[in-house]
Protein backbone atom coordinates (compact mmCIF):
# COMPACT_ATOMS: atom_id res chain seq x y z
CA MET A 1 -30.93 54.14 27.36
CA ARG A 2 -32.36 54.02 30.84
CA GLN A 3 -36.02 54.78 31.24
CA LYS A 4 -36.73 56.89 34.18
CA ILE A 5 -39.30 55.73 36.86
CA THR A 6 -41.50 57.48 41.00
CA ALA A 7 -42.79 56.53 44.04
CA ILE A 8 -46.40 55.30 44.03
CA ILE A 9 -48.43 54.58 47.01
CA ILE A 10 -49.85 51.03 46.96
CA SER A 11 -50.83 49.36 50.03
CA ILE A 12 -49.42 45.88 50.95
CA PHE A 13 -49.61 43.36 53.91
CA LEU A 14 -46.52 41.65 55.18
CA LEU A 15 -46.37 39.09 58.04
CA PHE A 16 -43.05 37.49 58.93
CA SER A 17 -43.16 34.13 60.61
CA LEU A 18 -39.98 32.18 61.32
CA THR A 19 -39.36 28.52 61.30
CA GLY A 20 -36.32 26.58 61.14
CA CYS A 21 -36.69 24.58 58.02
CA GLU A 22 -33.91 24.20 55.46
CA GLU A 23 -34.29 25.42 51.99
CA ASN A 24 -32.74 23.85 48.85
CA LYS A 25 -32.53 24.62 45.18
CA GLN A 26 -35.37 22.36 44.26
CA GLU A 27 -38.01 23.88 46.47
CA GLY A 28 -41.12 25.12 44.55
CA LYS A 29 -42.36 28.75 44.34
CA SER A 30 -45.12 30.17 46.58
CA THR A 31 -48.74 29.81 45.77
CA ALA A 32 -50.84 32.31 43.65
CA ALA A 33 -50.65 35.94 44.97
CA GLN A 34 -53.74 37.48 46.42
CA GLY A 35 -53.28 41.14 45.89
CA ASN A 36 -50.36 43.42 45.28
CA CYS A 37 -46.73 43.64 46.58
CA VAL A 38 -44.80 46.87 46.37
CA VAL A 39 -41.11 47.23 47.15
CA HIS A 40 -39.60 50.80 47.61
CA PHE A 41 -35.86 51.08 47.32
CA ILE A 42 -35.56 54.58 49.08
CA ASN A 43 -32.95 57.11 48.10
CA ILE A 44 -31.31 57.90 51.30
CA GLY A 45 -27.72 58.62 50.08
CA GLN A 46 -24.84 56.35 50.59
CA GLY A 47 -26.75 53.48 52.40
CA ASP A 48 -29.64 51.13 52.21
CA ALA A 49 -33.31 51.48 53.13
CA THR A 50 -36.10 49.24 51.59
CA LEU A 51 -39.82 49.51 52.42
CA ILE A 52 -42.02 46.40 51.53
CA GLN A 53 -45.85 46.76 51.31
CA ILE A 54 -48.44 44.13 51.15
CA ASP A 55 -51.81 45.51 51.47
CA ASP A 56 -51.94 47.82 54.49
CA SER A 57 -48.87 46.48 56.39
CA TYR A 58 -45.29 47.58 56.13
CA SER A 59 -41.87 46.09 56.63
CA LEU A 60 -38.51 47.95 56.59
CA ILE A 61 -35.19 46.45 55.61
CA ASP A 62 -32.37 48.80 56.88
CA THR A 63 -32.59 52.50 57.79
CA GLY A 64 -29.48 54.14 56.16
CA THR A 65 -27.33 56.70 58.27
CA VAL A 66 -28.69 58.96 60.91
CA ALA A 67 -27.60 61.86 58.80
CA HIS A 68 -30.21 60.86 56.20
CA TYR A 69 -32.97 59.99 58.70
CA ASP A 70 -34.94 62.96 57.66
CA ASP A 71 -35.03 61.61 54.13
CA LEU A 72 -36.18 58.23 55.31
CA SER A 73 -38.79 59.59 57.70
CA THR A 74 -40.24 61.97 55.09
CA TYR A 75 -40.58 59.11 52.70
CA LEU A 76 -42.25 56.78 55.20
CA ASP A 77 -44.63 59.55 56.24
CA ALA A 78 -45.53 60.09 52.64
CA GLN A 79 -46.60 56.47 52.41
CA ASN A 80 -48.72 56.86 55.47
CA VAL A 81 -46.48 54.55 57.39
CA ASN A 82 -47.36 54.58 61.14
CA HIS A 83 -46.95 50.92 62.11
CA ILE A 84 -43.97 48.78 60.92
CA GLU A 85 -44.84 45.18 61.22
CA ASN A 86 -41.28 43.94 60.70
CA MET A 87 -38.09 45.89 60.94
CA ILE A 88 -35.01 44.17 59.65
CA VAL A 89 -31.40 45.29 60.19
CA THR A 90 -29.15 43.22 57.78
CA HIS A 91 -25.86 44.00 59.68
CA PRO A 92 -24.56 46.56 62.10
CA ASP A 93 -22.88 49.09 59.78
CA ALA A 94 -23.89 52.72 60.12
CA ASP A 95 -25.01 53.12 56.51
CA HIS A 96 -27.60 50.29 57.09
CA MET A 97 -28.56 50.76 60.76
CA GLY A 98 -27.50 54.33 61.76
CA GLY A 99 -31.13 55.49 61.81
CA ALA A 100 -32.49 52.37 63.30
CA TYR A 101 -32.79 53.73 66.96
CA LYS A 102 -34.82 56.68 65.69
CA VAL A 103 -37.14 54.40 63.59
CA ILE A 104 -37.79 52.38 66.86
CA GLN A 105 -38.58 55.51 68.75
CA ASP A 106 -40.72 57.20 66.17
CA TYR A 107 -42.69 54.36 64.66
CA ASP A 108 -44.70 51.48 66.19
CA VAL A 109 -42.56 48.46 65.44
CA SER A 110 -43.99 44.81 66.19
CA ASN A 111 -41.06 42.64 65.21
CA PHE A 112 -37.34 43.25 64.95
CA TYR A 113 -35.05 40.90 63.15
CA THR A 114 -31.18 41.13 62.65
CA THR A 115 -27.96 39.12 62.36
CA ASN A 116 -26.06 37.72 65.38
CA THR A 117 -23.14 40.21 64.63
CA THR A 118 -22.70 42.98 67.11
CA ASN A 119 -20.36 45.99 67.52
CA GLU A 120 -19.49 48.84 69.90
CA SER A 121 -20.51 51.72 67.74
CA GLN A 122 -22.54 54.45 69.21
CA ALA A 123 -25.34 53.87 66.59
CA TYR A 124 -25.48 50.20 67.48
CA GLN A 125 -25.70 50.87 71.19
CA LYS A 126 -28.44 53.38 70.75
CA MET A 127 -30.37 50.89 68.76
CA ILE A 128 -30.04 48.28 71.57
CA ARG A 129 -31.15 50.84 74.14
CA SER A 130 -34.10 51.84 72.09
CA LEU A 131 -35.19 48.21 71.74
CA LYS A 132 -35.04 47.78 75.55
CA GLN A 133 -36.92 51.07 76.11
CA GLU A 134 -39.76 49.90 73.78
CA LYS A 135 -39.68 46.39 75.12
CA LEU A 136 -39.02 45.04 71.57
CA LYS A 137 -37.27 41.75 71.29
CA LYS A 138 -34.11 41.38 69.21
CA GLN A 139 -34.74 38.33 67.06
CA VAL A 140 -31.78 36.72 65.42
CA VAL A 141 -32.25 35.07 62.04
CA ALA A 142 -29.88 33.02 59.82
CA SER A 143 -29.74 30.81 56.88
CA GLY A 144 -32.50 28.17 56.75
CA ASP A 145 -35.11 30.32 58.61
CA ARG A 146 -38.36 30.65 56.70
CA ILE A 147 -40.45 33.82 56.63
CA ASP A 148 -44.14 33.82 55.85
CA PHE A 149 -45.19 36.92 53.98
CA GLY A 150 -48.84 36.07 53.90
CA LYS A 151 -51.06 34.64 51.15
CA GLY A 152 -49.35 34.31 47.88
CA SER A 153 -45.90 35.10 49.39
CA GLN A 154 -42.93 33.44 50.80
CA GLY A 155 -39.71 34.72 52.55
CA LYS A 156 -36.62 32.72 53.04
CA VAL A 157 -33.33 33.69 54.84
CA PHE A 158 -30.42 32.53 52.49
CA GLY A 159 -27.44 33.93 54.40
CA PRO A 160 -25.09 34.30 56.05
CA ILE A 161 -24.13 30.64 55.84
CA GLY A 162 -21.49 29.55 58.46
CA GLU A 163 -18.88 31.88 59.96
CA SER A 164 -18.56 35.37 58.76
CA GLU A 165 -15.25 37.16 58.34
CA ASP A 166 -16.57 40.70 58.95
CA ASN A 167 -19.64 42.78 59.35
CA ASN A 168 -20.43 42.87 55.58
CA GLU A 169 -20.21 39.12 55.19
CA SER A 170 -22.60 38.61 58.26
CA SER A 171 -25.37 40.41 56.27
CA LEU A 172 -28.73 38.90 56.14
CA VAL A 173 -29.63 37.81 52.62
CA ILE A 174 -33.38 37.39 52.12
CA ARG A 175 -35.42 36.22 49.25
CA LEU A 176 -39.10 37.30 48.90
CA ASP A 177 -41.37 35.43 46.41
CA TYR A 178 -44.74 36.93 45.63
CA GLY A 179 -46.65 34.65 43.26
CA GLU A 180 -44.36 34.15 40.33
CA ASN A 181 -42.34 37.19 41.00
CA SER A 182 -39.17 37.29 43.21
CA PHE A 183 -36.86 39.79 44.99
CA LEU A 184 -33.48 39.15 46.50
CA PHE A 185 -32.18 41.58 49.23
CA THR A 186 -28.41 41.12 49.80
CA GLY A 187 -27.24 43.83 52.36
CA ASP A 188 -23.53 44.02 51.99
CA THR A 189 -22.64 40.46 51.59
CA THR A 190 -19.41 39.30 50.08
CA ALA A 191 -18.44 37.43 46.94
CA ARG A 192 -17.40 34.50 49.25
CA MET A 193 -20.72 34.42 50.82
CA GLU A 194 -22.41 34.86 47.49
CA ASN A 195 -20.80 31.63 46.23
CA LYS A 196 -21.93 29.73 49.30
CA ILE A 197 -25.53 30.96 48.87
CA ASN A 198 -25.48 30.20 45.18
CA GLU A 199 -24.38 26.56 45.87
CA LYS A 200 -27.17 26.02 48.36
CA TYR A 201 -30.12 28.00 47.15
CA ASP A 202 -32.18 28.98 44.03
CA ILE A 203 -30.99 32.68 43.43
CA ASP A 204 -32.82 33.02 40.04
CA VAL A 205 -34.98 36.13 40.72
CA ASP A 206 -36.78 38.99 38.92
CA VAL A 207 -35.31 41.80 41.09
CA LEU A 208 -31.78 41.81 42.58
CA LYS A 209 -30.62 44.46 45.12
CA ALA A 210 -26.84 44.65 44.30
CA SER A 211 -24.71 43.94 47.33
CA HIS A 212 -22.74 46.68 49.04
CA HIS A 213 -23.85 49.58 46.77
CA GLY A 214 -22.38 47.92 43.69
CA SER A 215 -18.80 47.19 45.25
CA ASP A 216 -16.39 44.89 43.62
CA THR A 217 -16.01 43.05 47.01
CA ALA A 218 -19.30 41.23 45.99
CA ASN A 219 -21.53 41.03 42.79
CA GLY A 220 -19.47 38.21 41.26
CA VAL A 221 -20.01 37.26 37.55
CA MET A 222 -21.47 33.83 38.37
CA PHE A 223 -23.85 35.05 41.05
CA ILE A 224 -25.28 37.77 38.79
CA ARG A 225 -25.47 35.40 35.77
CA ASP A 226 -27.39 32.71 37.85
CA ALA A 227 -29.64 35.30 39.37
CA SER A 228 -30.45 36.55 35.83
CA PRO A 229 -32.70 39.39 37.14
CA MET A 230 -35.00 41.48 35.07
CA TYR A 231 -34.04 44.62 37.12
CA SER A 232 -30.86 45.15 39.18
CA ILE A 233 -31.19 47.84 41.82
CA ILE A 234 -28.13 49.74 43.23
CA SER A 235 -28.62 51.79 46.44
CA VAL A 236 -25.89 54.36 46.35
CA GLY A 237 -25.04 57.92 47.11
CA ALA A 238 -24.13 60.35 44.39
CA ASN A 239 -20.38 61.21 44.20
CA ASN A 240 -19.67 58.92 47.10
CA ASN A 241 -16.08 58.57 48.43
CA TYR A 242 -15.85 54.85 47.86
CA GLY A 243 -16.18 54.85 43.97
CA HIS A 244 -19.44 52.88 44.15
CA PRO A 245 -20.71 51.38 41.88
CA ASP A 246 -17.55 49.66 40.54
CA SER A 247 -17.41 49.97 36.64
CA ASN A 248 -16.84 46.18 36.21
CA VAL A 249 -19.87 45.40 38.43
CA LEU A 250 -21.90 47.83 36.41
CA ARG A 251 -20.95 46.11 33.19
CA ARG A 252 -21.82 42.64 34.41
CA LEU A 253 -25.05 43.83 35.95
CA GLU A 254 -26.03 45.38 32.56
CA LYS A 255 -25.02 42.23 30.70
CA TYR A 256 -27.22 39.89 32.79
CA SER A 257 -30.14 42.19 33.76
CA THR A 258 -32.70 41.47 30.98
CA GLU A 259 -34.51 44.95 31.57
CA ASP A 260 -32.52 47.50 33.35
CA VAL A 261 -30.02 48.52 35.99
CA LEU A 262 -31.47 51.20 38.22
CA ARG A 263 -29.59 53.52 40.71
CA THR A 264 -30.93 55.56 43.60
CA ASP A 265 -28.19 58.32 42.91
CA GLU A 266 -29.53 58.75 39.30
CA ASP A 267 -33.18 57.50 39.37
CA GLY A 268 -34.15 58.55 42.97
CA SER A 269 -36.40 56.33 44.97
CA ILE A 270 -37.21 53.22 42.97
CA VAL A 271 -40.59 51.43 43.37
CA ILE A 272 -41.37 47.92 41.87
CA SER A 273 -44.87 46.54 42.23
CA SER A 274 -46.01 43.07 41.48
CA ASP A 275 -49.46 41.53 41.04
CA GLY A 276 -47.87 38.02 41.31
CA LYS A 277 -47.28 37.69 37.62
CA GLU A 278 -46.13 41.10 36.25
CA LEU A 279 -43.82 43.81 37.35
CA SER A 280 -44.16 47.63 37.02
CA VAL A 281 -41.35 49.87 37.86
CA GLN A 282 -41.44 53.62 38.75
CA SER A 283 -38.91 56.22 39.94
CA SER A 284 -38.86 59.75 41.04
CA ASP A 285 -39.42 60.95 37.47
CA ASP A 286 -42.88 59.51 37.40
CA ILE A 287 -42.58 57.70 34.04
CA GLN A 288 -43.89 54.11 34.38
CA LEU A 289 -42.09 51.28 32.50
CA GLU A 290 -44.00 48.89 30.34
CA ARG A 291 -45.37 46.08 32.41
CA LYS A 292 -43.51 42.89 31.70
CA ASP A 293 -44.67 39.22 32.06
CA ARG A 294 -42.12 37.31 34.10
CA THR A 295 -42.71 33.94 32.56
CA SER A 296 -42.32 34.89 28.95
CA LEU A 297 -39.47 37.16 29.64
CA LYS A 298 -37.45 34.58 31.47
CA LYS A 299 -38.00 31.99 28.65
CA SER A 300 -36.66 34.42 26.12
CA VAL A 301 -33.62 35.15 28.22
CA LYS A 302 -32.74 31.52 28.64
CA LYS A 303 -33.14 30.94 24.97
CA SER A 304 -30.88 33.69 24.04
CA GLU A 305 -28.28 33.12 26.84
CA THR A 306 -26.24 30.44 24.84
CA SER A 307 -25.82 33.12 21.99
CA LYS A 308 -23.99 35.57 24.19
CA ALA A 309 -20.21 35.67 23.89
CA ASP A 310 -18.33 34.65 26.96
CA GLU A 311 -16.75 37.49 28.94
CA ILE A 312 -12.99 37.43 28.96
CA ILE A 313 -11.55 37.41 32.41
CA GLY A 314 -7.90 38.05 32.91
CA ASN A 315 -5.79 36.90 35.88
CA LYS A 316 -3.65 39.87 36.97
CA ASN A 317 -1.10 37.58 38.64
CA THR A 318 -0.56 35.11 35.82
CA LYS A 319 -1.39 37.28 32.89
CA ILE A 320 -3.61 34.58 31.48
CA TYR A 321 -7.07 35.32 30.22
CA HIS A 322 -9.93 32.79 30.62
CA LYS A 323 -13.64 32.35 29.59
CA GLU A 324 -16.10 33.17 32.25
CA SER A 325 -17.49 29.63 31.80
CA GLU A 326 -14.41 28.03 33.22
CA SER A 327 -15.12 26.38 36.54
CA ARG A 328 -11.99 27.77 38.31
CA LEU A 329 -11.53 31.47 37.89
CA PRO A 330 -9.19 33.82 39.81
CA ASP A 331 -10.52 35.67 42.97
CA GLU A 332 -12.38 38.88 42.27
CA LYS A 333 -9.56 41.13 43.34
CA ASN A 334 -7.24 39.40 40.93
CA ARG A 335 -9.47 39.80 37.92
CA GLU A 336 -9.30 42.17 34.88
CA TYR A 337 -12.21 42.13 32.39
CA PHE A 338 -11.89 42.55 28.63
CA SER A 339 -14.72 42.78 25.97
CA SER A 340 -12.66 40.69 23.39
CA VAL A 341 -9.65 38.39 23.05
CA GLU A 342 -8.05 41.06 21.01
CA LYS A 343 -8.16 43.57 23.83
CA ALA A 344 -6.88 41.01 26.31
CA LYS A 345 -3.76 40.18 24.08
CA GLN A 346 -3.24 43.94 23.60
CA ALA A 347 -3.02 44.22 27.35
CA GLY A 348 -0.33 41.57 27.40
CA TYR A 349 -2.27 38.50 28.43
CA ARG A 350 -2.14 35.10 26.82
CA ALA A 351 -4.92 32.55 26.39
CA CYS A 352 -5.72 29.93 28.93
CA GLU A 353 -4.81 26.50 27.20
CA LYS A 354 -7.81 24.83 28.86
CA CYS A 355 -10.25 27.48 27.73
CA TYR A 356 -8.94 27.96 24.29
CA GLN A 357 -7.85 24.58 23.06
């Protein structure tokens, strides 16, 4: 049963500093945290907007649509945000950057970061004009760039890696480490890009922002399993026309999230704070969750992981079902999920000879 959780006002300082260093899966965590880090997943309907605080400095990842700009600005004003140290637009889709030009006009922004993907939409062109009017440089970042969040923090750009096939796949994917706690912001990245990122980087985090509002174009089984988050966050609009979040994605998030799966359409704005070792979570219902120690919880998860039954994954084309631990599985669009072998057989599937020798 989901516990309800509300926005709290805790100040945080965030300073981004880019380098061109490469990351790898063996790189260590950041040094001990010095204060508190608070991440706000803001309820702005069908879209993304995330506010990061460290001490008295603020950073904003995405803005949602211009139609929901009043919701965003009301929330920012409630947190006493006047100056935005770092503004990040993950990719040029309206539900992530539609309100960007208004943020640039209404708030004092020091640094602006985005992907190298552009488009001809009115919202994007307004954003570019606002950047020029405010004499704010558009800084393009990509996989391998490092971001310094200040003492006790580390920021790393994980994606995109290589060429992107569309706007969503070009999304910036950013990991934030604060002491022993970690967050992964995924924009609308795709399953193909998730696999590339998982091969190159350490994606084991405490908080995962599910990609593309919980769409089945991303949020693959292996990616979520390897992320093994305590909390998964879905930024999504109520009764949206896209059917987000997908039921299969919800099921796998619930399976591999050790604490909870939280949704802005049901929980309102979700706020997760860290002191570098423990997380506390709140939402718009103002009921605080019990604080959890990351290290002890992660150990208990890894210990129990082997006792979990494999998820049954059917191939819609071959009508063969596989264990999720098999190295070669069908593409996400060709999968059908079953909770047991019996249910797979009832649906007309037969066992993979390799998986079930």
